[in-house]
Amino acid sequence: SSVHETIAIPAESFDQCQANNLKEIVT
């Protein structure tokens, strides 16, 4: 989320399609 912090989310919260979109969301 920044140089100051990160966010952890369990893998089971996402299906494969949603997981593939995480980088786009972060960007």
PDB file of all heavy atoms in Angstrom:
ATOM      1  N   SER A   1       0.809  -1.216   0.000  1.00  0.00           N
ATOM      2  CA  SER A   1       0.000   0.000   0.000  1.00  0.00           C
ATOM      3  C   SER A   1       0.844   1.269   0.000  1.00  0.00           C
ATOM      4  O   SER A   1       0.365   2.337  -0.374  1.00  0.00           O
ATOM      5  CB  SER A   1      -0.957   0.004   1.196  1.00  0.00           C
ATOM      6  OG  SER A   1      -0.278  -0.281   2.402  1.00  0.00           O
ATOM      7  N   SER A   2       2.097   1.193   0.418  1.00  0.00           N
ATOM      8  CA  SER A   2       3.039   2.324   0.327  1.00  0.00           C
ATOM      9  C   SER A   2       4.391   1.849   0.843  1.00  0.00           C
ATOM     10  O   SER A   2       4.531   0.710   1.297  1.00  0.00           O
ATOM     11  CB  SER A   2       2.554   3.524   1.157  1.00  0.00           C
ATOM     12  OG  SER A   2       2.794   3.323   2.533  1.00  0.00           O
ATOM     13  N   VAL A   3       5.379   2.725   0.827  1.00  0.00           N
ATOM     14  CA  VAL A   3       6.680   2.370   1.419  1.00  0.00           C
ATOM     15  C   VAL A   3       6.564   2.232   2.932  1.00  0.00           C
ATOM     16  O   VAL A   3       7.453   1.683   3.585  1.00  0.00           O
ATOM     17  CB  VAL A   3       7.763   3.424   1.085  1.00  0.00           C
ATOM     18  CG1 VAL A   3       8.088   3.427  -0.397  1.00  0.00           C
ATOM     19  CG2 VAL A   3       7.356   4.810   1.559  1.00  0.00           C
ATOM     20  N   HIS A   4       5.453   2.719   3.494  1.00  0.00           N
ATOM     21  CA  HIS A   4       5.301   2.720   4.944  1.00  0.00           C
ATOM     22  C   HIS A   4       4.528   1.523   5.487  1.00  0.00           C
ATOM     23  O   HIS A   4       4.629   1.231   6.682  1.00  0.00           O
ATOM     24  CB  HIS A   4       4.606   4.010   5.392  1.00  0.00           C
ATOM     25  CG  HIS A   4       5.313   5.251   4.967  1.00  0.00           C
ATOM     26  ND1 HIS A   4       6.594   5.553   5.374  1.00  0.00           N
ATOM     27  CD2 HIS A   4       4.933   6.259   4.134  1.00  0.00           C
ATOM     28  CE1 HIS A   4       6.972   6.703   4.829  1.00  0.00           C
ATOM     29  NE2 HIS A   4       5.981   7.139   4.070  1.00  0.00           N
ATOM     30  N   GLU A   5       3.754   0.840   4.642  1.00  0.00           N
ATOM     31  CA  GLU A   5       2.942  -0.258   5.148  1.00  0.00           C
ATOM     32  C   GLU A   5       2.524  -1.181   4.014  1.00  0.00           C
ATOM     33  O   GLU A   5       2.588  -0.810   2.833  1.00  0.00           O
ATOM     34  CB  GLU A   5       1.690   0.284   5.853  1.00  0.00           C
ATOM     35  CG  GLU A   5       0.800   1.085   4.916  1.00  0.00           C
ATOM     36  CD  GLU A   5      -0.339   1.789   5.637  1.00  0.00           C
ATOM     37  OE1 GLU A   5      -0.208   2.025   6.853  1.00  0.00           O
ATOM     38  OE2 GLU A   5      -1.339   2.108   4.978  1.00  0.00           O
ATOM     39  N   THR A   6       2.109  -2.384   4.382  1.00  0.00           N
ATOM     40  CA  THR A   6       1.549  -3.332   3.425  1.00  0.00           C
ATOM     41  C   THR A   6       0.261  -3.900   4.015  1.00  0.00           C
ATOM     42  O   THR A   6      -0.004  -3.774   5.215  1.00  0.00           O
ATOM     43  CB  THR A   6       2.517  -4.484   3.113  1.00  0.00           C
ATOM     44  OG1 THR A   6       2.832  -5.164   4.341  1.00  0.00           O
ATOM     45  CG2 THR A   6       3.794  -3.967   2.463  1.00  0.00           C
ATOM     46  N   ILE A   7      -0.530  -4.543   3.152  1.00  0.00           N
ATOM     47  CA  ILE A   7      -1.799  -5.137   3.580  1.00  0.00           C
ATOM     48  C   ILE A   7      -1.776  -6.621   3.245  1.00  0.00           C
ATOM     49  O   ILE A   7      -1.407  -7.016   2.133  1.00  0.00           O
ATOM     50  CB  ILE A   7      -2.994  -4.460   2.879  1.00  0.00           C
ATOM     51  CG1 ILE A   7      -3.092  -2.990   3.317  1.00  0.00           C
ATOM     52  CG2 ILE A   7      -4.296  -5.187   3.188  1.00  0.00           C
ATOM     53  CD1 ILE A   7      -4.150  -2.205   2.587  1.00  0.00           C
ATOM     54  N   ALA A   8      -2.159  -7.429   4.219  1.00  0.00           N
ATOM     55  CA  ALA A   8      -2.218  -8.884   4.039  1.00  0.00           C
ATOM     56  C   ALA A   8      -3.678  -9.326   3.953  1.00  0.00           C
ATOM     57  O   ALA A   8      -4.508  -8.898   4.763  1.00  0.00           O
ATOM     58  CB  ALA A   8      -1.521  -9.598   5.189  1.00  0.00           C
ATOM     59  N   ILE A   9      -3.979 -10.180   2.966  1.00  0.00           N
ATOM     60  CA  ILE A   9      -5.327 -10.710   2.762  1.00  0.00           C
ATOM     61  C   ILE A   9      -5.213 -12.210   2.505  1.00  0.00           C
ATOM     62  O   ILE A   9      -4.377 -12.642   1.714  1.00  0.00           O
ATOM     63  CB  ILE A   9      -6.018 -10.042   1.555  1.00  0.00           C
ATOM     64  CG1 ILE A   9      -5.979  -8.520   1.678  1.00  0.00           C
ATOM     65  CG2 ILE A   9      -7.458 -10.513   1.417  1.00  0.00           C
ATOM     66  CD1 ILE A   9      -6.577  -7.791   0.486  1.00  0.00           C
ATOM     67  N   PRO A  10      -6.038 -13.036   3.153  1.00  0.00           N
ATOM     68  CA  PRO A  10      -5.945 -14.486   2.933  1.00  0.00           C
ATOM     69  C   PRO A  10      -6.256 -14.859   1.491  1.00  0.00           C
ATOM     70  O   PRO A  10      -7.150 -14.268   0.864  1.00  0.00           O
ATOM     71  CB  PRO A  10      -6.978 -15.067   3.898  1.00  0.00           C
ATOM     72  CG  PRO A  10      -7.927 -13.947   4.158  1.00  0.00           C
ATOM     73  CD  PRO A  10      -7.107 -12.691   4.106  1.00  0.00           C
ATOM     74  N   ALA A  11      -5.529 -15.833   0.991  1.00  0.00           N
ATOM     75  CA  ALA A  11      -5.705 -16.239  -0.410  1.00  0.00           C
ATOM     76  C   ALA A  11      -7.113 -16.759  -0.668  1.00  0.00           C
ATOM     77  O   ALA A  11      -7.655 -16.601  -1.766  1.00  0.00           O
ATOM     78  CB  ALA A  11      -4.668 -17.298  -0.772  1.00  0.00           C
ATOM     79  N   GLU A  12      -7.722 -17.345   0.338  1.00  0.00           N
ATOM     80  CA  GLU A  12      -9.045 -17.929   0.147  1.00  0.00           C
ATOM     81  C   GLU A  12     -10.131 -16.876  -0.052  1.00  0.00           C
ATOM     82  O   GLU A  12     -11.269 -17.206  -0.380  1.00  0.00           O
ATOM     83  CB  GLU A  12      -9.393 -18.799   1.349  1.00  0.00           C
ATOM     84  CG  GLU A  12      -9.453 -18.039   2.659  1.00  0.00           C
ATOM     85  CD  GLU A  12      -9.624 -18.965   3.869  1.00  0.00           C
ATOM     86  OE1 GLU A  12      -9.337 -20.169   3.724  1.00  0.00           O
ATOM     87  OE2 GLU A  12     -10.021 -18.466   4.925  1.00  0.00           O
ATOM     88  N   SER A  13      -9.778 -15.590   0.138  1.00  0.00           N
ATOM     89  CA  SER A  13     -10.764 -14.522  -0.073  1.00  0.00           C
ATOM     90  C   SER A  13     -11.035 -14.267  -1.546  1.00  0.00           C
ATOM     91  O   SER A  13     -11.964 -13.540  -1.894  1.00  0.00           O
ATOM     92  CB  SER A  13     -10.279 -13.224   0.586  1.00  0.00           C
ATOM     93  OG  SER A  13     -10.171 -13.363   1.981  1.00  0.00           O
ATOM     94  N   PHE A  14     -10.200 -14.841  -2.426  1.00  0.00           N
ATOM     95  CA  PHE A  14     -10.310 -14.540  -3.848  1.00  0.00           C
ATOM     96  C   PHE A  14     -10.375 -15.824  -4.668  1.00  0.00           C
ATOM     97  O   PHE A  14      -9.688 -16.795  -4.367  1.00  0.00           O
ATOM     98  CB  PHE A  14      -9.100 -13.728  -4.332  1.00  0.00           C
ATOM     99  CG  PHE A  14      -8.878 -12.454  -3.576  1.00  0.00           C
ATOM    100  CD1 PHE A  14      -8.023 -12.421  -2.490  1.00  0.00           C
ATOM    101  CD2 PHE A  14      -9.539 -11.290  -3.943  1.00  0.00           C
ATOM    102  CE1 PHE A  14      -7.816 -11.248  -1.786  1.00  0.00           C
ATOM    103  CE2 PHE A  14      -9.337 -10.114  -3.246  1.00  0.00           C
ATOM    104  CZ  PHE A  14      -8.483 -10.086  -2.165  1.00  0.00           C
ATOM    105  N   ASP A  15     -11.178 -15.772  -5.715  1.00  0.00           N
ATOM    106  CA  ASP A  15     -11.060 -16.831  -6.712  1.00  0.00           C
ATOM    107  C   ASP A  15      -9.942 -16.417  -7.666  1.00  0.00           C
ATOM    108  O   ASP A  15      -9.388 -15.322  -7.571  1.00  0.00           O
ATOM    109  CB  ASP A  15     -12.387 -17.068  -7.454  1.00  0.00           C
ATOM    110  CG  ASP A  15     -12.899 -15.819  -8.160  1.00  0.00           C
ATOM    111  OD1 ASP A  15     -12.071 -15.000  -8.616  1.00  0.00           O
ATOM    112  OD2 ASP A  15     -14.130 -15.648  -8.264  1.00  0.00           O
ATOM    113  N   GLN A  16      -9.579 -17.277  -8.602  1.00  0.00           N
ATOM    114  CA  GLN A  16      -8.427 -17.027  -9.461  1.00  0.00           C
ATOM    115  C   GLN A  16      -8.599 -15.763 -10.295  1.00  0.00           C
ATOM    116  O   GLN A  16      -7.660 -14.994 -10.500  1.00  0.00           O
ATOM    117  CB  GLN A  16      -8.176 -18.223 -10.388  1.00  0.00           C
ATOM    118  CG  GLN A  16      -6.856 -18.153 -11.135  1.00  0.00           C
ATOM    119  CD  GLN A  16      -5.654 -18.035 -10.203  1.00  0.00           C
ATOM    120  OE1 GLN A  16      -5.514 -18.798  -9.261  1.00  0.00           O
ATOM    121  NE2 GLN A  16      -4.793 -17.050 -10.457  1.00  0.00           N
ATOM    122  N   CYS A  17      -9.825 -15.531 -10.764  1.00  0.00           N
ATOM    123  CA  CYS A  17     -10.078 -14.344 -11.592  1.00  0.00           C
ATOM    124  C   CYS A  17      -9.849 -13.070 -10.785  1.00  0.00           C
ATOM    125  O   CYS A  17      -9.205 -12.133 -11.258  1.00  0.00           O
ATOM    126  CB  CYS A  17     -11.503 -14.387 -12.133  1.00  0.00           C
ATOM    127  SG  CYS A  17     -11.919 -12.987 -13.186  1.00  0.00           S
ATOM    128  N   GLN A  18     -10.353 -13.055  -9.553  1.00  0.00           N
ATOM    129  CA  GLN A  18     -10.167 -11.887  -8.696  1.00  0.00           C
ATOM    130  C   GLN A  18      -8.691 -11.692  -8.345  1.00  0.00           C
ATOM    131  O   GLN A  18      -8.193 -10.565  -8.320  1.00  0.00           O
ATOM    132  CB  GLN A  18     -10.992 -12.046  -7.419  1.00  0.00           C
ATOM    133  CG  GLN A  18     -12.489 -11.977  -7.627  1.00  0.00           C
ATOM    134  CD  GLN A  18     -13.240 -12.327  -6.361  1.00  0.00           C
ATOM    135  OE1 GLN A  18     -12.870 -13.246  -5.625  1.00  0.00           O
ATOM    136  NE2 GLN A  18     -14.316 -11.602  -6.089  1.00  0.00           N
ATOM    137  N   ALA A  19      -7.999 -12.785  -8.079  1.00  0.00           N
ATOM    138  CA  ALA A  19      -6.579 -12.700  -7.736  1.00  0.00           C
ATOM    139  C   ALA A  19      -5.770 -12.098  -8.873  1.00  0.00           C
ATOM    140  O   ALA A  19      -4.833 -11.322  -8.645  1.00  0.00           O
ATOM    141  CB  ALA A  19      -6.042 -14.085  -7.383  1.00  0.00           C
ATOM    142  N   ASN A  20      -6.143 -12.430 -10.099  1.00  0.00           N
ATOM    143  CA  ASN A  20      -5.422 -11.898 -11.245  1.00  0.00           C
ATOM    144  C   ASN A  20      -5.604 -10.389 -11.397  1.00  0.00           C
ATOM    145  O   ASN A  20      -4.803  -9.729 -12.063  1.00  0.00           O
ATOM    146  CB  ASN A  20      -5.890 -12.595 -12.525  1.00  0.00           C
ATOM    147  CG  ASN A  20      -5.457 -14.048 -12.580  1.00  0.00           C
ATOM    148  OD1 ASN A  20      -4.503 -14.450 -11.913  1.00  0.00           O
ATOM    149  ND2 ASN A  20      -6.160 -14.853 -13.367  1.00  0.00           N
ATOM    150  N   ASN A  21      -6.652  -9.851 -10.784  1.00  0.00           N
ATOM    151  CA  ASN A  21      -6.928  -8.421 -10.891  1.00  0.00           C
ATOM    152  C   ASN A  21      -6.294  -7.602  -9.769  1.00  0.00           C
ATOM    153  O   ASN A  21      -6.388  -6.372  -9.777  1.00  0.00           O
ATOM    154  CB  ASN A  21      -8.443  -8.172 -10.892  1.00  0.00           C
ATOM    155  CG  ASN A  21      -9.118  -8.679 -12.154  1.00  0.00           C
ATOM    156  OD1 ASN A  21      -8.495  -8.735 -13.215  1.00  0.00           O
ATOM    157  ND2 ASN A  21     -10.380  -9.067 -12.040  1.00  0.00           N
ATOM    158  N   LEU A  22      -5.666  -8.269  -8.809  1.00  0.00           N
ATOM    159  CA  LEU A  22      -5.124  -7.545  -7.665  1.00  0.00           C
ATOM    160  C   LEU A  22      -4.053  -6.534  -8.062  1.00  0.00           C
ATOM    161  O   LEU A  22      -3.994  -5.428  -7.532  1.00  0.00           O
ATOM    162  CB  LEU A  22      -4.553  -8.538  -6.646  1.00  0.00           C
ATOM    163  CG  LEU A  22      -5.571  -9.298  -5.805  1.00  0.00           C
ATOM    164  CD1 LEU A  22      -4.872 -10.303  -4.903  1.00  0.00           C
ATOM    165  CD2 LEU A  22      -6.429  -8.345  -4.990  1.00  0.00           C
ATOM    166  N   LYS A  23      -3.192  -6.912  -8.998  1.00  0.00           N
ATOM    167  CA  LYS A  23      -2.138  -5.991  -9.419  1.00  0.00           C
ATOM    168  C   LYS A  23      -2.728  -4.731 -10.046  1.00  0.00           C
ATOM    169  O   LYS A  23      -2.240  -3.616  -9.801  1.00  0.00           O
ATOM    170  CB  LYS A  23      -1.193  -6.677 -10.410  1.00  0.00           C
ATOM    171  CG  LYS A  23      -0.027  -5.789 -10.836  1.00  0.00           C
ATOM    172  CD  LYS A  23       0.983  -6.545 -11.682  1.00  0.00           C
ATOM    173  CE  LYS A  23       2.148  -5.641 -12.051  1.00  0.00           C
ATOM    174  NZ  LYS A  23       3.187  -6.352 -12.831  1.00  0.00           N
ATOM    175  N   GLU A  24      -3.781  -4.891 -10.821  1.00  0.00           N
ATOM    176  CA  GLU A  24      -4.445  -3.734 -11.432  1.00  0.00           C
ATOM    177  C   GLU A  24      -5.040  -2.830 -10.354  1.00  0.00           C
ATOM    178  O   GLU A  24      -4.955  -1.596 -10.446  1.00  0.00           O
ATOM    179  CB  GLU A  24      -5.542  -4.211 -12.379  1.00  0.00           C
ATOM    180  CG  GLU A  24      -6.271  -3.074 -13.090  1.00  0.00           C
ATOM    181  CD  GLU A  24      -7.363  -3.592 -14.027  1.00  0.00           C
ATOM    182  OE1 GLU A  24      -7.403  -4.810 -14.277  1.00  0.00           O
ATOM    183  OE2 GLU A  24      -8.161  -2.760 -14.495  1.00  0.00           O
ATOM    184  N   ILE A  25      -5.602  -3.444  -9.317  1.00  0.00           N
ATOM    185  CA  ILE A  25      -6.179  -2.665  -8.221  1.00  0.00           C
ATOM    186  C   ILE A  25      -5.094  -1.880  -7.488  1.00  0.00           C
ATOM    187  O   ILE A  25      -5.242  -0.684  -7.203  1.00  0.00           O
ATOM    188  CB  ILE A  25      -6.917  -3.599  -7.237  1.00  0.00           C
ATOM    189  CG1 ILE A  25      -8.142  -4.209  -7.925  1.00  0.00           C
ATOM    190  CG2 ILE A  25      -7.323  -2.849  -5.973  1.00  0.00           C
ATOM    191  CD1 ILE A  25      -8.807  -5.307  -7.120  1.00  0.00           C
ATOM    192  N   VAL A  26      -3.978  -2.564  -7.183  1.00  0.00           N
ATOM    193  CA  VAL A  26      -2.870  -1.898  -6.489  1.00  0.00           C
ATOM    194  C   VAL A  26      -2.329  -0.739  -7.323  1.00  0.00           C
ATOM    195  O   VAL A  26      -2.062   0.356  -6.812  1.00  0.00           O
ATOM    196  CB  VAL A  26      -1.748  -2.911  -6.174  1.00  0.00           C
ATOM    197  CG1 VAL A  26      -0.485  -2.188  -5.687  1.00  0.00           C
ATOM    198  CG2 VAL A  26      -2.220  -3.911  -5.130  1.00  0.00           C
ATOM    199  N   THR A  27      -2.183  -0.949  -8.612  1.00  0.00           N
ATOM    200  CA  THR A  27      -1.661   0.089  -9.499  1.00  0.00           C
ATOM    201  C   THR A  27      -2.561   1.311  -9.502  1.00  0.00           C
ATOM    202  O   THR A  27      -2.091   2.457  -9.416  1.00  0.00           O
ATOM    203  CB  THR A  27      -1.516  -0.458 -10.933  1.00  0.00           C
ATOM    204  OG1 THR A  27      -0.629  -1.578 -10.925  1.00  0.00           O
ATOM    205  CG2 THR A  27      -0.967   0.609 -11.865  1.00  0.00           C
TER     206      THR A  27
END
